[in-house]
Amino acid sequence: MQTTPATTTATEPCTLRERKKQQTRQALHDAALTLVSANGLDGVTVEQICADAEVSPRTFFNYFTSKAHAALGLDTVEVPAAVADWFTEADGRLVDDVCRLVASSVPLSQDRRRMKELLLLRPEMTPMVMQWMARSRESLLAVVGTRTDEQTARTAVTLVMSALTEVAHRETVRGTEELVGRLRAVVGEMGALASA
């Protein structure tokens, strides 16, 4: 029987230190989202975000690479080593395993309503989301390519990332297992639609 990778999601903190890191990250995200919504990306500095989040500017770059990433709550996607190892050894259906790989690697904001409002209010942020998606795909492709050829890996990752976009628009997801199930359901809907 296939085992699943051990993961910790934002709703499953394991240590006091990890909880404090998550609280700091959330404070920076909240401050950036509020300030960028009100003033636009060019009207906000990292120092202002940090002042509102009550952390030092040096701390900011431990969590986000830019003001835009902080406002959108997007992290650089790096597949955890344990998840990559699990995926490489897994023997389930490729797309099902890619759903679990994505769910275990891609962080989703728990405040999607405000993120949607930000993108409507500040459409100049949309290209940053697209860049983040492209970089995320590349990280995932490196892992998926360990089990299949390049074209199949690209198709599988594109399919599951499209499902992720749809899931993110529909509702809040709590935890990795719920996200895996939602991704598989949307991929199933896409397949049924394609063959109808």
N, C-alpha and C. Protein backbone atom coordinates (compact mmCIF):
# COMPACT_ATOMS: atom_id res chain seq x y z
N MET A 1 0.84 -1.20 0.00
CA MET A 1 0.00 0.00 0.00
C MET A 1 0.88 1.25 0.00
N GLN A 2 0.47 2.21 -0.76
CA GLN A 2 1.23 3.44 -0.92
C GLN A 2 1.05 4.34 0.29
N THR A 3 2.15 4.84 0.82
CA THR A 3 2.06 5.79 1.93
C THR A 3 2.05 7.19 1.38
N THR A 4 1.63 8.14 2.21
CA THR A 4 1.61 9.54 1.77
C THR A 4 2.70 10.30 2.49
N PRO A 5 3.15 11.41 1.89
CA PRO A 5 4.22 12.18 2.52
C PRO A 5 3.74 12.85 3.79
N ALA A 6 4.66 12.98 4.74
CA ALA A 6 4.35 13.70 5.97
C ALA A 6 4.45 15.19 5.66
N THR A 7 3.37 15.92 5.89
CA THR A 7 3.37 17.36 5.62
C THR A 7 2.76 18.10 6.79
N THR A 8 3.11 19.36 6.91
CA THR A 8 2.51 20.23 7.90
C THR A 8 1.90 21.39 7.16
N THR A 9 0.63 21.65 7.35
CA THR A 9 -0.01 22.77 6.68
C THR A 9 -0.19 23.90 7.66
N ALA A 10 -0.66 25.04 7.14
CA ALA A 10 -0.85 26.22 7.98
C ALA A 10 -1.84 25.94 9.10
N THR A 11 -2.72 24.97 8.91
CA THR A 11 -3.70 24.69 9.95
C THR A 11 -3.24 23.59 10.90
N GLU A 12 -2.00 23.05 10.68
CA GLU A 12 -1.50 21.97 11.50
C GLU A 12 -0.10 22.29 12.02
N PRO A 13 0.09 23.37 12.79
CA PRO A 13 1.43 23.70 13.26
C PRO A 13 1.91 22.63 14.25
N CYS A 14 3.23 22.37 14.23
CA CYS A 14 3.72 21.30 15.07
C CYS A 14 4.49 21.78 16.29
N THR A 15 5.09 22.97 16.25
CA THR A 15 5.87 23.45 17.38
C THR A 15 5.54 24.91 17.65
N LEU A 16 5.92 25.36 18.83
CA LEU A 16 5.72 26.77 19.18
C LEU A 16 6.47 27.67 18.21
N ARG A 17 7.69 27.28 17.87
CA ARG A 17 8.49 28.07 16.94
C ARG A 17 7.80 28.18 15.58
N GLU A 18 7.27 27.05 15.10
CA GLU A 18 6.58 27.04 13.81
C GLU A 18 5.32 27.90 13.87
N ARG A 19 4.58 27.85 14.97
CA ARG A 19 3.39 28.69 15.11
C ARG A 19 3.75 30.16 15.10
N LYS A 20 4.86 30.53 15.77
CA LYS A 20 5.29 31.94 15.78
C LYS A 20 5.70 32.39 14.38
N LYS A 21 6.36 31.51 13.64
CA LYS A 21 6.73 31.85 12.26
C LYS A 21 5.48 32.06 11.42
N GLN A 22 4.49 31.20 11.59
CA GLN A 22 3.25 31.35 10.84
C GLN A 22 2.52 32.63 11.21
N GLN A 23 2.56 33.00 12.49
CA GLN A 23 1.91 34.25 12.93
C GLN A 23 2.63 35.46 12.34
N THR A 24 3.96 35.43 12.31
CA THR A 24 4.72 36.53 11.72
C THR A 24 4.43 36.65 10.23
N ARG A 25 4.43 35.51 9.54
CA ARG A 25 4.12 35.50 8.11
C ARG A 25 2.73 36.07 7.86
N GLN A 26 1.75 35.64 8.67
CA GLN A 26 0.37 36.11 8.50
C GLN A 26 0.28 37.60 8.78
N ALA A 27 0.99 38.09 9.79
CA ALA A 27 0.98 39.52 10.10
C ALA A 27 1.55 40.34 8.94
N LEU A 28 2.64 39.87 8.35
CA LEU A 28 3.22 40.56 7.19
C LEU A 28 2.26 40.53 6.01
N HIS A 29 1.65 39.39 5.77
CA HIS A 29 0.69 39.27 4.67
C HIS A 29 -0.49 40.21 4.89
N ASP A 30 -1.06 40.21 6.08
CA ASP A 30 -2.21 41.07 6.38
C ASP A 30 -1.86 42.55 6.18
N ALA A 31 -0.69 42.95 6.71
CA ALA A 31 -0.28 44.35 6.58
C ALA A 31 -0.06 44.72 5.11
N ALA A 32 0.62 43.86 4.36
CA ALA A 32 0.89 44.15 2.95
C ALA A 32 -0.40 44.19 2.14
N LEU A 33 -1.28 43.24 2.40
CA LEU A 33 -2.55 43.20 1.67
C LEU A 33 -3.37 44.46 1.93
N THR A 34 -3.45 44.89 3.17
CA THR A 34 -4.21 46.10 3.52
C THR A 34 -3.59 47.34 2.89
N LEU A 35 -2.27 47.48 3.03
CA LEU A 35 -1.60 48.68 2.52
C LEU A 35 -1.60 48.74 0.99
N VAL A 36 -1.34 47.63 0.33
CA VAL A 36 -1.32 47.63 -1.14
C VAL A 36 -2.73 47.83 -1.69
N SER A 37 -3.73 47.27 -1.05
CA SER A 37 -5.11 47.50 -1.49
C SER A 37 -5.45 48.99 -1.43
N ALA A 38 -5.01 49.65 -0.36
CA ALA A 38 -5.34 51.06 -0.17
C ALA A 38 -4.49 52.00 -1.02
N ASN A 39 -3.20 51.67 -1.21
CA ASN A 39 -2.26 52.63 -1.80
C ASN A 39 -1.61 52.18 -3.10
N GLY A 40 -1.85 50.96 -3.54
CA GLY A 40 -1.16 50.44 -4.71
C GLY A 40 0.23 49.96 -4.34
N LEU A 41 0.82 49.14 -5.18
CA LEU A 41 2.11 48.55 -4.88
C LEU A 41 3.20 49.61 -4.78
N ASP A 42 3.19 50.60 -5.67
CA ASP A 42 4.22 51.64 -5.65
C ASP A 42 4.04 52.63 -4.50
N GLY A 43 2.85 52.63 -3.88
CA GLY A 43 2.59 53.55 -2.79
C GLY A 43 2.90 52.99 -1.41
N VAL A 44 3.58 51.84 -1.38
CA VAL A 44 3.87 51.16 -0.11
C VAL A 44 5.34 50.77 -0.08
N THR A 45 5.94 50.88 1.10
CA THR A 45 7.32 50.42 1.26
C THR A 45 7.35 49.19 2.17
N VAL A 46 8.45 48.45 2.06
CA VAL A 46 8.65 47.30 2.95
C VAL A 46 8.66 47.77 4.40
N GLU A 47 9.25 48.94 4.63
CA GLU A 47 9.31 49.48 6.00
C GLU A 47 7.91 49.73 6.56
N GLN A 48 7.00 50.24 5.73
CA GLN A 48 5.62 50.46 6.19
C GLN A 48 4.93 49.14 6.52
N ILE A 49 5.13 48.16 5.68
CA ILE A 49 4.54 46.85 5.93
C ILE A 49 5.05 46.29 7.26
N CYS A 50 6.36 46.38 7.46
CA CYS A 50 6.97 45.86 8.69
C CYS A 50 6.50 46.62 9.93
N ALA A 51 6.36 47.94 9.79
CA ALA A 51 5.87 48.73 10.93
C ALA A 51 4.47 48.29 11.32
N ASP A 52 3.59 48.09 10.32
CA ASP A 52 2.23 47.64 10.62
C ASP A 52 2.20 46.22 11.19
N ALA A 53 3.13 45.38 10.76
CA ALA A 53 3.19 43.99 11.24
C ALA A 53 3.98 43.87 12.54
N GLU A 54 4.62 44.97 12.95
CA GLU A 54 5.42 45.02 14.16
C GLU A 54 6.60 44.04 14.13
N VAL A 55 7.31 44.06 12.98
CA VAL A 55 8.54 43.28 12.84
C VAL A 55 9.59 44.16 12.19
N SER A 56 10.83 43.75 12.26
CA SER A 56 11.90 44.54 11.66
C SER A 56 11.94 44.31 10.15
N PRO A 57 12.41 45.30 9.38
CA PRO A 57 12.52 45.12 7.93
C PRO A 57 13.39 43.93 7.54
N ARG A 58 14.41 43.61 8.35
CA ARG A 58 15.25 42.44 8.04
C ARG A 58 14.43 41.16 8.08
N THR A 59 13.43 41.12 8.95
CA THR A 59 12.60 39.93 9.08
C THR A 59 11.76 39.69 7.83
N PHE A 60 11.36 40.77 7.17
CA PHE A 60 10.47 40.66 6.01
C PHE A 60 10.98 39.64 5.00
N PHE A 61 12.27 39.72 4.65
CA PHE A 61 12.81 38.89 3.57
C PHE A 61 13.05 37.44 4.00
N ASN A 62 12.82 37.13 5.26
CA ASN A 62 12.81 35.73 5.69
C ASN A 62 11.51 35.05 5.27
N TYR A 63 10.50 35.86 4.93
CA TYR A 63 9.18 35.33 4.64
C TYR A 63 8.73 35.55 3.20
N PHE A 64 9.08 36.69 2.62
CA PHE A 64 8.62 37.03 1.27
C PHE A 64 9.76 37.65 0.47
N THR A 65 9.73 37.43 -0.83
CA THR A 65 10.77 37.99 -1.68
C THR A 65 10.46 39.39 -2.17
N SER A 66 9.19 39.82 -2.05
CA SER A 66 8.82 41.16 -2.52
C SER A 66 7.53 41.62 -1.85
N LYS A 67 7.24 42.91 -2.00
CA LYS A 67 5.98 43.46 -1.49
C LYS A 67 4.80 42.77 -2.15
N ALA A 68 4.91 42.52 -3.45
CA ALA A 68 3.82 41.87 -4.18
C ALA A 68 3.55 40.47 -3.64
N HIS A 69 4.62 39.71 -3.41
CA HIS A 69 4.44 38.37 -2.85
C HIS A 69 3.80 38.43 -1.48
N ALA A 70 4.19 39.41 -0.69
CA ALA A 70 3.60 39.54 0.65
C ALA A 70 2.12 39.89 0.56
N ALA A 71 1.78 40.82 -0.32
CA ALA A 71 0.37 41.22 -0.46
C ALA A 71 -0.49 40.06 -0.95
N LEU A 72 0.06 39.26 -1.85
CA LEU A 72 -0.69 38.13 -2.40
C LEU A 72 -0.58 36.89 -1.54
N GLY A 73 0.33 36.91 -0.57
CA GLY A 73 0.50 35.74 0.31
C GLY A 73 1.14 34.58 -0.41
N LEU A 74 1.97 34.86 -1.42
CA LEU A 74 2.57 33.80 -2.22
C LEU A 74 4.00 33.53 -1.79
N ASP A 75 4.30 32.28 -1.57
CA ASP A 75 5.66 31.86 -1.26
C ASP A 75 6.26 31.25 -2.51
N THR A 76 7.57 31.24 -2.57
CA THR A 76 8.23 30.50 -3.62
C THR A 76 7.95 29.03 -3.38
N VAL A 77 7.53 28.33 -4.41
CA VAL A 77 7.21 26.91 -4.25
C VAL A 77 8.48 26.10 -4.35
N GLU A 78 8.81 25.44 -3.26
CA GLU A 78 9.91 24.50 -3.24
C GLU A 78 9.33 23.20 -2.70
N VAL A 79 9.44 22.15 -3.48
CA VAL A 79 8.91 20.87 -3.05
C VAL A 79 9.77 20.36 -1.89
N PRO A 80 9.15 20.11 -0.72
CA PRO A 80 9.94 19.59 0.41
C PRO A 80 10.61 18.27 0.03
N ALA A 81 11.81 18.05 0.54
CA ALA A 81 12.58 16.85 0.19
C ALA A 81 11.80 15.57 0.47
N ALA A 82 11.12 15.51 1.60
CA ALA A 82 10.35 14.30 1.94
C ALA A 82 9.23 14.06 0.93
N VAL A 83 8.61 15.13 0.46
CA VAL A 83 7.53 15.01 -0.52
C VAL A 83 8.09 14.57 -1.86
N ALA A 84 9.22 15.14 -2.26
CA ALA A 84 9.87 14.75 -3.52
C ALA A 84 10.26 13.27 -3.48
N ASP A 85 10.83 12.85 -2.34
CA ASP A 85 11.21 11.44 -2.20
C ASP A 85 9.98 10.54 -2.30
N TRP A 86 8.91 10.92 -1.61
CA TRP A 86 7.68 10.14 -1.66
C TRP A 86 7.18 10.02 -3.10
N PHE A 87 7.14 11.16 -3.81
CA PHE A 87 6.61 11.15 -5.17
C PHE A 87 7.44 10.25 -6.08
N THR A 88 8.75 10.34 -5.97
CA THR A 88 9.64 9.55 -6.82
C THR A 88 9.40 8.05 -6.62
N GLU A 89 9.12 7.65 -5.38
CA GLU A 89 8.93 6.22 -5.07
C GLU A 89 7.48 5.77 -5.24
N ALA A 90 6.53 6.69 -5.30
CA ALA A 90 5.11 6.34 -5.36
C ALA A 90 4.80 5.57 -6.63
N ASP A 91 3.76 4.73 -6.55
CA ASP A 91 3.40 3.94 -7.71
C ASP A 91 1.91 4.03 -8.03
N GLY A 92 1.28 5.11 -7.57
CA GLY A 92 -0.13 5.31 -7.87
C GLY A 92 -0.32 5.91 -9.26
N ARG A 93 -1.57 6.23 -9.58
CA ARG A 93 -1.84 6.91 -10.85
C ARG A 93 -1.10 8.24 -10.86
N LEU A 94 -0.47 8.56 -11.96
CA LEU A 94 0.38 9.75 -12.03
C LEU A 94 -0.38 11.01 -11.64
N VAL A 95 -1.55 11.24 -12.21
CA VAL A 95 -2.26 12.49 -11.94
C VAL A 95 -2.72 12.54 -10.47
N ASP A 96 -3.14 11.42 -9.91
CA ASP A 96 -3.50 11.40 -8.49
C ASP A 96 -2.30 11.77 -7.63
N ASP A 97 -1.14 11.22 -7.97
CA ASP A 97 0.06 11.54 -7.19
C ASP A 97 0.50 12.98 -7.40
N VAL A 98 0.30 13.53 -8.60
CA VAL A 98 0.62 14.95 -8.82
C VAL A 98 -0.33 15.83 -8.00
N CYS A 99 -1.58 15.43 -7.86
CA CYS A 99 -2.51 16.18 -7.00
C CYS A 99 -1.97 16.24 -5.57
N ARG A 100 -1.48 15.12 -5.06
CA ARG A 100 -0.92 15.11 -3.70
C ARG A 100 0.37 15.91 -3.64
N LEU A 101 1.20 15.81 -4.67
CA LEU A 101 2.44 16.58 -4.72
C LEU A 101 2.15 18.08 -4.65
N VAL A 102 1.19 18.54 -5.45
CA VAL A 102 0.82 19.96 -5.45
C VAL A 102 0.23 20.36 -4.11
N ALA A 103 -0.67 19.56 -3.58
CA ALA A 103 -1.31 19.88 -2.29
C ALA A 103 -0.30 19.94 -1.16
N SER A 104 0.77 19.15 -1.27
CA SER A 104 1.79 19.10 -0.22
C SER A 104 2.88 20.15 -0.39
N SER A 105 2.87 20.86 -1.53
CA SER A 105 3.96 21.79 -1.83
C SER A 105 3.53 23.24 -2.03
N VAL A 106 2.32 23.46 -2.53
CA VAL A 106 1.88 24.81 -2.90
C VAL A 106 1.04 25.41 -1.78
N PRO A 107 1.52 26.50 -1.18
CA PRO A 107 0.73 27.13 -0.11
C PRO A 107 -0.44 27.93 -0.68
N LEU A 108 -1.59 27.80 -0.07
CA LEU A 108 -2.76 28.58 -0.47
C LEU A 108 -3.09 29.58 0.63
N SER A 109 -3.41 30.79 0.23
CA SER A 109 -3.83 31.80 1.19
C SER A 109 -5.15 31.38 1.82
N GLN A 110 -5.28 31.60 3.09
CA GLN A 110 -6.54 31.31 3.78
C GLN A 110 -7.51 32.48 3.67
N ASP A 111 -7.08 33.56 3.01
CA ASP A 111 -7.91 34.75 2.87
C ASP A 111 -8.12 35.07 1.39
N ARG A 112 -8.65 34.09 0.66
CA ARG A 112 -8.80 34.27 -0.78
C ARG A 112 -9.79 35.36 -1.16
N ARG A 113 -10.78 35.61 -0.32
CA ARG A 113 -11.75 36.67 -0.64
C ARG A 113 -11.02 38.01 -0.76
N ARG A 114 -10.17 38.31 0.20
CA ARG A 114 -9.43 39.58 0.15
C ARG A 114 -8.42 39.60 -1.00
N MET A 115 -7.84 38.46 -1.31
CA MET A 115 -6.91 38.40 -2.45
C MET A 115 -7.64 38.69 -3.75
N LYS A 116 -8.83 38.11 -3.91
CA LYS A 116 -9.62 38.38 -5.12
C LYS A 116 -9.95 39.86 -5.21
N GLU A 117 -10.33 40.45 -4.07
CA GLU A 117 -10.64 41.89 -4.05
C GLU A 117 -9.41 42.70 -4.44
N LEU A 118 -8.22 42.28 -3.95
CA LEU A 118 -6.99 42.98 -4.29
C LEU A 118 -6.75 42.94 -5.80
N LEU A 119 -6.93 41.78 -6.41
CA LEU A 119 -6.69 41.65 -7.85
C LEU A 119 -7.70 42.44 -8.67
N LEU A 120 -8.92 42.57 -8.18
CA LEU A 120 -9.91 43.39 -8.87
C LEU A 120 -9.58 44.87 -8.72
N LEU A 121 -9.17 45.25 -7.52
CA LEU A 121 -8.85 46.64 -7.22
C LEU A 121 -7.53 47.07 -7.87
N ARG A 122 -6.57 46.14 -7.90
CA ARG A 122 -5.22 46.42 -8.40
C ARG A 122 -4.83 45.40 -9.47
N PRO A 123 -5.41 45.52 -10.68
CA PRO A 123 -5.13 44.53 -11.74
C PRO A 123 -3.66 44.44 -12.13
N GLU A 124 -2.88 45.46 -11.79
CA GLU A 124 -1.45 45.42 -12.09
C GLU A 124 -0.74 44.29 -11.33
N MET A 125 -1.41 43.70 -10.34
CA MET A 125 -0.84 42.60 -9.58
C MET A 125 -0.98 41.26 -10.32
N THR A 126 -1.87 41.17 -11.28
CA THR A 126 -2.14 39.91 -11.97
C THR A 126 -0.90 39.30 -12.61
N PRO A 127 -0.04 40.08 -13.29
CA PRO A 127 1.16 39.46 -13.87
C PRO A 127 2.05 38.79 -12.82
N MET A 128 2.05 39.31 -11.60
CA MET A 128 2.87 38.71 -10.55
C MET A 128 2.34 37.33 -10.16
N VAL A 129 1.02 37.18 -10.19
CA VAL A 129 0.42 35.87 -9.92
C VAL A 129 0.82 34.90 -11.03
N MET A 130 0.80 35.37 -12.27
CA MET A 130 1.16 34.52 -13.39
C MET A 130 2.63 34.09 -13.33
N GLN A 131 3.50 35.02 -12.93
CA GLN A 131 4.92 34.68 -12.78
C GLN A 131 5.11 33.64 -11.68
N TRP A 132 4.38 33.82 -10.58
CA TRP A 132 4.47 32.87 -9.47
C TRP A 132 4.02 31.48 -9.94
N MET A 133 2.92 31.44 -10.72
CA MET A 133 2.43 30.15 -11.23
C MET A 133 3.49 29.49 -12.12
N ALA A 134 4.14 30.28 -12.96
CA ALA A 134 5.16 29.73 -13.87
C ALA A 134 6.34 29.17 -13.08
N ARG A 135 6.79 29.90 -12.06
CA ARG A 135 7.90 29.40 -11.24
C ARG A 135 7.49 28.16 -10.46
N SER A 136 6.26 28.14 -9.99
CA SER A 136 5.76 26.97 -9.26
C SER A 136 5.75 25.75 -10.17
N ARG A 137 5.30 25.92 -11.41
CA ARG A 137 5.28 24.81 -12.36
C ARG A 137 6.67 24.23 -12.56
N GLU A 138 7.66 25.11 -12.69
CA GLU A 138 9.03 24.64 -12.92
C GLU A 138 9.53 23.80 -11.75
N SER A 139 9.26 24.22 -10.53
CA SER A 139 9.67 23.44 -9.35
C SER A 139 9.00 22.07 -9.34
N LEU A 140 7.72 22.06 -9.68
CA LEU A 140 6.97 20.80 -9.69
C LEU A 140 7.42 19.90 -10.84
N LEU A 141 7.71 20.49 -12.00
CA LEU A 141 8.15 19.70 -13.16
C LEU A 141 9.43 18.94 -12.87
N ALA A 142 10.32 19.55 -12.13
CA ALA A 142 11.58 18.89 -11.81
C ALA A 142 11.33 17.58 -11.06
N VAL A 143 10.31 17.57 -10.22
CA VAL A 143 9.98 16.36 -9.46
C VAL A 143 9.17 15.38 -10.30
N VAL A 144 8.14 15.87 -10.98
CA VAL A 144 7.29 14.98 -11.78
C VAL A 144 8.10 14.31 -12.88
N GLY A 145 9.09 15.01 -13.40
CA GLY A 145 9.94 14.45 -14.45
C GLY A 145 10.76 13.25 -14.01
N THR A 146 10.82 12.98 -12.71
CA THR A 146 11.55 11.80 -12.24
C THR A 146 10.77 10.51 -12.50
N ARG A 147 9.45 10.66 -12.83
CA ARG A 147 8.62 9.46 -13.03
C ARG A 147 8.09 9.29 -14.44
N THR A 148 8.27 10.29 -15.28
CA THR A 148 7.70 10.18 -16.62
C THR A 148 8.49 11.07 -17.57
N ASP A 149 8.13 11.02 -18.85
CA ASP A 149 8.82 11.85 -19.84
C ASP A 149 8.41 13.32 -19.67
N GLU A 150 9.17 14.20 -20.30
CA GLU A 150 8.99 15.65 -20.11
C GLU A 150 7.60 16.13 -20.54
N GLN A 151 7.12 15.67 -21.69
CA GLN A 151 5.82 16.13 -22.18
C GLN A 151 4.69 15.69 -21.26
N THR A 152 4.73 14.45 -20.82
CA THR A 152 3.69 13.95 -19.91
C THR A 152 3.75 14.71 -18.59
N ALA A 153 4.96 14.97 -18.11
CA ALA A 153 5.12 15.73 -16.86
C ALA A 153 4.51 17.11 -17.01
N ARG A 154 4.79 17.81 -18.13
CA ARG A 154 4.23 19.15 -18.36
C ARG A 154 2.71 19.12 -18.40
N THR A 155 2.16 18.13 -19.09
CA THR A 155 0.71 18.03 -19.20
C THR A 155 0.08 17.78 -17.83
N ALA A 156 0.66 16.87 -17.06
CA ALA A 156 0.11 16.53 -15.74
C ALA A 156 0.18 17.73 -14.79
N VAL A 157 1.32 18.42 -14.78
CA VAL A 157 1.47 19.58 -13.89
C VAL A 157 0.53 20.70 -14.32
N THR A 158 0.42 20.95 -15.62
CA THR A 158 -0.49 22.00 -16.11
C THR A 158 -1.93 21.68 -15.74
N LEU A 159 -2.33 20.43 -15.89
CA LEU A 159 -3.68 20.01 -15.54
C LEU A 159 -3.97 20.25 -14.06
N VAL A 160 -3.07 19.80 -13.20
CA VAL A 160 -3.32 19.92 -11.75
C VAL A 160 -3.21 21.37 -11.30
N MET A 161 -2.30 22.16 -11.88
CA MET A 161 -2.22 23.58 -11.50
C MET A 161 -3.47 24.32 -11.97
N SER A 162 -4.04 23.93 -13.10
CA SER A 162 -5.32 24.53 -13.54
C SER A 162 -6.42 24.18 -12.55
N ALA A 163 -6.41 22.93 -12.09
CA ALA A 163 -7.39 22.52 -11.08
C ALA A 163 -7.19 23.32 -9.79
N LEU A 164 -5.94 23.58 -9.43
CA LEU A 164 -5.66 24.36 -8.22
C LEU A 164 -6.24 25.76 -8.35
N THR A 165 -6.10 26.38 -9.51
CA THR A 165 -6.67 27.71 -9.74
C THR A 165 -8.18 27.68 -9.55
N GLU A 166 -8.83 26.66 -10.07
CA GLU A 166 -10.28 26.52 -9.93
C GLU A 166 -10.68 26.29 -8.48
N VAL A 167 -9.95 25.42 -7.79
CA VAL A 167 -10.25 25.16 -6.38
C VAL A 167 -10.10 26.45 -5.57
N ALA A 168 -9.06 27.22 -5.85
CA ALA A 168 -8.82 28.47 -5.12
C ALA A 168 -9.94 29.47 -5.33
N HIS A 169 -10.58 29.44 -6.49
CA HIS A 169 -11.69 30.36 -6.76
C HIS A 169 -12.99 29.92 -6.10
N ARG A 170 -13.13 28.65 -5.83
CA ARG A 170 -14.40 28.13 -5.34
C ARG A 170 -14.61 28.35 -3.85
N GLU A 171 -13.63 27.97 -3.03
CA GLU A 171 -13.86 28.00 -1.59
C GLU A 171 -12.57 27.82 -0.82
N THR A 172 -12.65 28.04 0.48
CA THR A 172 -11.51 27.83 1.36
C THR A 172 -11.32 26.35 1.60
N VAL A 173 -10.07 25.93 1.57
CA VAL A 173 -9.73 24.53 1.81
C VAL A 173 -8.90 24.48 3.09
N ARG A 174 -9.24 23.57 3.97
CA ARG A 174 -8.52 23.45 5.23
C ARG A 174 -7.72 22.15 5.25
N GLY A 175 -6.44 22.26 5.03
CA GLY A 175 -5.57 21.11 5.16
C GLY A 175 -5.26 20.40 3.85
N THR A 176 -4.16 19.67 3.88
CA THR A 176 -3.64 18.99 2.71
C THR A 176 -4.60 17.93 2.18
N GLU A 177 -5.14 17.10 3.06
CA GLU A 177 -6.01 16.01 2.60
C GLU A 177 -7.26 16.54 1.89
N GLU A 178 -7.84 17.60 2.43
CA GLU A 178 -9.00 18.19 1.78
C GLU A 178 -8.62 18.74 0.40
N LEU A 179 -7.44 19.37 0.31
CA LEU A 179 -7.00 19.92 -0.97
C LEU A 179 -6.75 18.80 -1.98
N VAL A 180 -6.15 17.70 -1.55
CA VAL A 180 -5.93 16.57 -2.46
C VAL A 180 -7.27 16.12 -3.04
N GLY A 181 -8.27 15.94 -2.18
CA GLY A 181 -9.59 15.50 -2.64
C GLY A 181 -10.22 16.48 -3.61
N ARG A 182 -10.11 17.78 -3.32
CA ARG A 182 -10.70 18.79 -4.21
C ARG A 182 -9.98 18.82 -5.55
N LEU A 183 -8.65 18.71 -5.52
CA LEU A 183 -7.90 18.70 -6.79
C LEU A 183 -8.31 17.51 -7.65
N ARG A 184 -8.40 16.34 -7.03
CA ARG A 184 -8.78 15.15 -7.79
C ARG A 184 -10.19 15.30 -8.36
N ALA A 185 -11.09 15.89 -7.59
CA ALA A 185 -12.46 16.08 -8.07
C ALA A 185 -12.50 17.02 -9.27
N VAL A 186 -11.77 18.13 -9.21
CA VAL A 186 -11.76 19.08 -10.33
C VAL A 186 -11.09 18.47 -11.55
N VAL A 187 -9.99 17.75 -11.35
CA VAL A 187 -9.34 17.05 -12.48
C VAL A 187 -10.34 16.08 -13.11
N GLY A 188 -11.12 15.38 -12.28
CA GLY A 188 -12.15 14.48 -12.80
C GLY A 188 -13.20 15.22 -13.62
N GLU A 189 -13.63 16.39 -13.13
CA GLU A 189 -14.58 17.21 -13.87
C GLU A 189 -14.01 17.63 -15.22
N MET A 190 -12.74 18.01 -15.23
CA MET A 190 -12.08 18.43 -16.47
C MET A 190 -12.03 17.26 -17.47
N GLY A 191 -11.69 16.08 -16.95
CA GLY A 191 -11.63 14.91 -17.82
C GLY A 191 -13.00 14.56 -18.40
N ALA A 192 -14.02 14.64 -17.56
CA ALA A 192 -15.39 14.34 -18.04
C ALA A 192 -15.81 15.35 -19.08
N LEU A 193 -15.49 16.62 -18.86
CA LEU A 193 -15.84 17.66 -19.81
C LEU A 193 -15.10 17.46 -21.14
N ALA A 194 -13.83 17.08 -21.06
CA ALA A 194 -13.03 16.88 -22.27
C ALA A 194 -13.54 15.71 -23.11
N SER A 195 -14.10 14.71 -22.45
CA SER A 195 -14.57 13.52 -23.19
C SER A 195 -16.05 13.56 -23.50
N ALA A 196 -16.74 14.64 -23.11
CA ALA A 196 -18.20 14.73 -23.37
C ALA A 196 -18.48 15.06 -24.82
